[in-house]
């Protein structure tokens, strides 16, 4: 494909900033309207730029949506991997990892995006690959904590550790969907509490002290 013409020369940083604005606006609109409700003119209005500018940076509506989901998956992976609490005991690390995920950024917006992301991934191989990367990132973080707990004796899993990890992640995923749809009893505090109680049982973690 030849180089595009007709636009003022911008630095790479300025181009990245503009594309970032468009992608942010796209993700916000996806969380509000769903993937099928995305129109370039609405994205342009939300980002404060012209439709022509969007078309200059993205080949098509589909390309824009794919780029938005790529960014979203990178954001989620970065959030998960940032939940590292070195120097703390395994249980505290696990509990804090869950807490950070629920309380950093807007959890409700993320859950709505997650539903749309999963639905879109059922129809797109590249998105399925991105989805796999998100699941793998979560699994690596939780597995590392669980292995540390088993190694120091603070975790005594009641079943195979890998099954316990899968069960926790499945519960988290299910709660995200329920929260996004506004199901009763799925506020952030309750989700976090249920996950912690489930983790204690599955991992054979120390019981919560009476003063908590």
Protein backbone atom coordinates (compact mmCIF):
# COMPACT_ATOMS: atom_id res chain seq x y z
CA UNK A 1 0.00 0.00 0.00
CA UNK A 2 1.40 3.41 -0.91
CA UNK A 3 1.96 6.18 1.59
CA UNK A 4 -1.12 8.24 2.31
CA UNK A 5 -1.05 11.90 1.37
CA UNK A 6 -3.05 15.02 2.02
CA UNK A 7 -2.46 15.37 5.76
CA UNK A 8 -0.05 17.70 7.55
CA UNK A 9 3.10 16.01 8.73
CA UNK A 10 2.81 14.97 12.36
CA UNK A 11 5.35 13.47 14.70
CA UNK A 12 5.00 9.82 15.67
CA UNK A 13 4.01 10.96 19.16
CA UNK A 14 1.25 13.19 17.80
CA UNK A 15 -0.02 10.40 15.57
CA UNK A 16 -0.04 7.97 18.53
CA UNK A 17 -1.93 10.54 20.63
CA UNK A 18 -4.58 11.02 17.95
CA UNK A 19 -5.04 7.31 17.41
CA UNK A 20 -5.22 6.85 21.17
CA UNK A 21 -8.02 9.42 21.39
CA UNK A 22 -9.96 7.59 18.69
CA UNK A 23 -9.48 4.20 20.33
CA UNK A 24 -10.47 5.52 23.76
CA UNK A 25 -13.64 7.03 22.30
CA UNK A 26 -14.38 3.77 20.49
CA UNK A 27 -14.03 1.68 23.65
CA UNK A 28 -16.29 4.04 25.58
CA UNK A 29 -18.94 3.80 22.87
CA UNK A 30 -18.63 0.00 22.72
CA UNK A 31 -19.28 -0.17 26.48
CA UNK A 32 -22.40 1.97 26.00
CA UNK A 33 -23.82 0.64 22.71
CA UNK A 34 -22.10 -2.62 21.93
CA UNK A 35 -19.89 -3.42 18.96
CA UNK A 36 -22.77 -3.40 16.48
CA UNK A 37 -23.70 0.13 17.52
CA UNK A 38 -20.37 1.69 16.55
CA UNK A 39 -20.55 4.30 13.78
CA UNK A 40 -17.58 6.33 12.60
CA UNK A 41 -19.45 9.62 12.86
CA UNK A 42 -20.24 8.92 16.52
CA UNK A 43 -16.63 8.03 17.25
CA UNK A 44 -15.50 11.20 15.48
CA UNK A 45 -17.88 13.31 17.54
CA UNK A 46 -16.78 11.68 20.79
CA UNK A 47 -13.09 12.08 19.93
CA UNK A 48 -13.50 15.63 18.69
CA UNK A 49 -12.09 14.95 15.23
CA UNK A 50 -13.41 14.40 11.72
CA UNK A 51 -14.52 11.13 10.16
CA UNK A 52 -11.84 11.73 7.54
CA UNK A 53 -9.16 11.72 10.21
CA UNK A 54 -10.39 8.37 11.51
CA UNK A 55 -10.38 6.95 7.99
CA UNK A 56 -6.85 8.24 7.52
CA UNK A 57 -5.56 6.29 10.52
CA UNK A 58 -7.77 3.19 10.22
CA UNK A 59 -8.55 1.33 6.99
CA UNK A 60 -12.13 0.55 7.94
CA UNK A 61 -14.66 0.41 10.76
CA UNK A 62 -13.63 -3.20 11.34
CA UNK A 63 -9.97 -2.19 11.55
CA UNK A 64 -10.85 0.46 14.13
CA UNK A 65 -12.83 -2.00 16.24
CA UNK A 66 -10.04 -4.59 16.08
CA UNK A 67 -7.51 -1.95 17.14
CA UNK A 68 -9.78 -0.93 20.02
CA UNK A 69 -10.06 -4.51 21.28
CA UNK A 70 -6.31 -4.96 20.90
CA UNK A 71 -5.80 -1.95 23.13
CA UNK A 72 -8.41 -3.18 25.60
CA UNK A 73 -6.74 -6.58 25.90
CA UNK A 74 -3.37 -4.89 26.43
CA UNK A 75 -4.92 -2.70 29.13
CA UNK A 76 -6.39 -5.70 30.95
CA UNK A 77 -3.14 -7.68 30.73
CA UNK A 78 -1.16 -4.70 32.04
CA UNK A 79 -3.63 -4.32 34.91
CA UNK A 80 -3.40 -7.99 35.81
CA UNK A 81 0.40 -8.10 35.64
CA UNK A 82 0.71 -4.90 37.66
CA UNK A 83 -0.98 -6.70 40.55
CA UNK A 84 2.34 -7.89 41.90
CA UNK A 85 2.84 -7.66 45.64
CA UNK A 86 6.33 -8.91 46.27
CA UNK A 87 7.33 -9.17 49.89
CA UNK A 88 3.84 -10.10 51.06
CA UNK A 89 2.65 -13.57 52.02
CA UNK A 90 0.85 -15.56 49.27
CA UNK A 91 -2.64 -15.13 50.71
CA UNK A 92 -2.26 -11.36 51.08
CA UNK A 93 -0.88 -11.22 47.55
CA UNK A 94 -3.84 -13.16 46.15
CA UNK A 95 -6.41 -11.11 48.04
CA UNK A 96 -4.77 -7.85 46.97
CA UNK A 97 -4.62 -9.00 43.35
CA UNK A 98 -8.39 -9.53 43.36
CA UNK A 99 -8.93 -6.23 45.16
CA UNK A 100 -6.82 -4.28 42.68
CA UNK A 101 -8.68 -5.77 39.73
CA UNK A 102 -12.03 -4.67 41.11
CA UNK A 103 -11.02 -1.23 42.33
CA UNK A 104 -8.54 0.07 39.73
CA UNK A 105 -10.29 1.95 36.89
CA UNK A 106 -14.02 1.56 36.26
CA UNK A 107 -14.97 -2.07 36.85
CA UNK A 108 -18.49 -1.66 35.45
CA UNK A 109 -17.20 -0.23 32.18
CA UNK A 110 -14.61 -3.01 31.93
CA UNK A 111 -17.23 -5.72 32.44
CA UNK A 112 -19.43 -4.32 29.69
CA UNK A 113 -16.43 -4.20 27.37
CA UNK A 114 -15.53 -7.76 28.37
CA UNK A 115 -18.92 -9.09 27.30
CA UNK A 116 -18.63 -7.35 23.94
CA UNK A 117 -15.04 -8.54 23.53
CA UNK A 118 -15.96 -12.18 24.21
CA UNK A 119 -18.97 -12.01 21.86
CA UNK A 120 -16.87 -10.48 19.07
CA UNK A 121 -14.14 -13.09 19.62
CA UNK A 122 -16.57 -15.90 18.78
CA UNK A 123 -16.62 -14.55 15.22
CA UNK A 124 -13.01 -13.42 14.76
CA UNK A 125 -9.89 -15.57 14.99
CA UNK A 126 -7.57 -12.66 15.80
CA UNK A 127 -9.80 -11.55 18.65
CA UNK A 128 -9.90 -15.14 19.95
CA UNK A 129 -6.11 -15.04 20.08
CA UNK A 130 -6.24 -11.79 22.06
CA UNK A 131 -8.78 -13.33 24.42
CA UNK A 132 -6.48 -16.30 24.98
CA UNK A 133 -3.67 -13.90 25.89
CA UNK A 134 -5.83 -12.25 28.54
CA UNK A 135 -6.80 -15.61 30.07
CA UNK A 136 -3.16 -16.74 30.00
CA UNK A 137 -2.00 -13.56 31.74
CA UNK A 138 -4.54 -14.09 34.51
CA UNK A 139 -3.60 -17.74 34.88
CA UNK A 140 0.12 -16.98 35.09
CA UNK A 141 -0.37 -14.40 37.83
CA UNK A 142 -2.66 -16.60 39.93
CA UNK A 143 -0.55 -19.71 39.36
CA UNK A 144 2.59 -17.93 40.53
CA UNK A 145 0.88 -16.91 43.78
CA UNK A 146 -0.62 -20.36 44.35
CA UNK A 147 2.72 -22.08 43.74
CA UNK A 148 4.37 -19.76 46.26
CA UNK A 149 1.69 -20.61 48.82
CA UNK A 150 2.11 -24.34 48.26
CA UNK A 151 5.88 -24.01 48.52
CA UNK A 152 5.80 -22.22 51.87
CA UNK A 153 3.02 -24.43 53.25
CA UNK A 154 0.43 -21.68 53.64
CA UNK A 155 -1.76 -23.20 50.90
CA UNK A 156 -2.92 -26.81 51.10
CA UNK A 157 -5.19 -27.18 48.05
CA UNK A 158 -8.22 -29.42 48.49
CA UNK A 159 -7.91 -30.54 44.86
CA UNK A 160 -5.39 -30.30 42.04
CA UNK A 161 -3.95 -26.77 42.10
CA UNK A 162 -4.54 -26.24 38.38
CA UNK A 163 -8.20 -27.14 38.78
CA UNK A 164 -8.50 -24.75 41.71
CA UNK A 165 -6.99 -21.94 39.62
CA UNK A 166 -9.35 -22.66 36.73
CA UNK A 167 -12.32 -22.67 39.12
CA UNK A 168 -11.36 -19.28 40.57
CA UNK A 169 -10.93 -17.73 37.13
CA UNK A 170 -14.21 -19.22 35.92
CA UNK A 171 -15.98 -17.74 38.94
CA UNK A 172 -14.39 -14.35 38.30
CA UNK A 173 -15.42 -14.49 34.65
CA UNK A 174 -18.98 -15.42 35.56
CA UNK A 175 -19.23 -12.60 38.07
CA UNK A 176 -18.01 -10.11 35.47
CA UNK A 177 -20.86 -11.09 33.16
CA UNK A 178 -23.41 -10.96 35.99
CA UNK A 179 -22.14 -7.56 37.14
CA UNK A 180 -22.30 -6.15 33.61
CA UNK A 181 -25.95 -7.18 33.31
CA UNK A 182 -26.82 -5.71 36.71
CA UNK A 183 -27.69 -9.03 38.36
CA UNK A 184 -28.69 -8.81 42.01
CA UNK A 185 -25.90 -9.45 44.51
CA UNK A 186 -23.05 -8.73 42.13
CA UNK A 187 -21.72 -5.48 43.50
CA UNK A 188 -17.94 -5.26 43.66
CA UNK A 189 -17.71 -5.79 47.42
CA UNK A 190 -19.77 -8.99 47.32
CA UNK A 191 -17.88 -10.38 44.32
CA UNK A 192 -14.58 -9.77 46.07
CA UNK A 193 -15.82 -11.38 49.29
CA UNK A 194 -17.19 -14.48 47.54
CA UNK A 195 -13.98 -14.94 45.55
CA UNK A 196 -11.88 -14.70 48.69
CA UNK A 197 -14.03 -17.22 50.54
CA UNK A 198 -13.94 -19.59 47.57
CA UNK A 199 -10.16 -19.24 47.31
CA UNK A 200 -9.71 -20.02 51.00
CA UNK A 201 -11.66 -23.25 50.65
CA UNK A 202 -10.14 -24.41 47.35
CA UNK A 203 -6.57 -23.53 48.28
CA UNK A 204 -6.72 -24.55 51.92
CA UNK A 205 -5.55 -21.06 52.88
CA UNK A 206 -5.39 -19.82 56.48
CA UNK A 207 -8.78 -19.02 57.95
CA UNK A 208 -9.72 -15.39 58.37
CA UNK A 209 -9.02 -14.10 61.87
CA UNK A 210 -12.11 -13.32 64.01
CA UNK A 211 -11.29 -9.60 64.21
CA UNK A 212 -11.70 -9.17 60.41
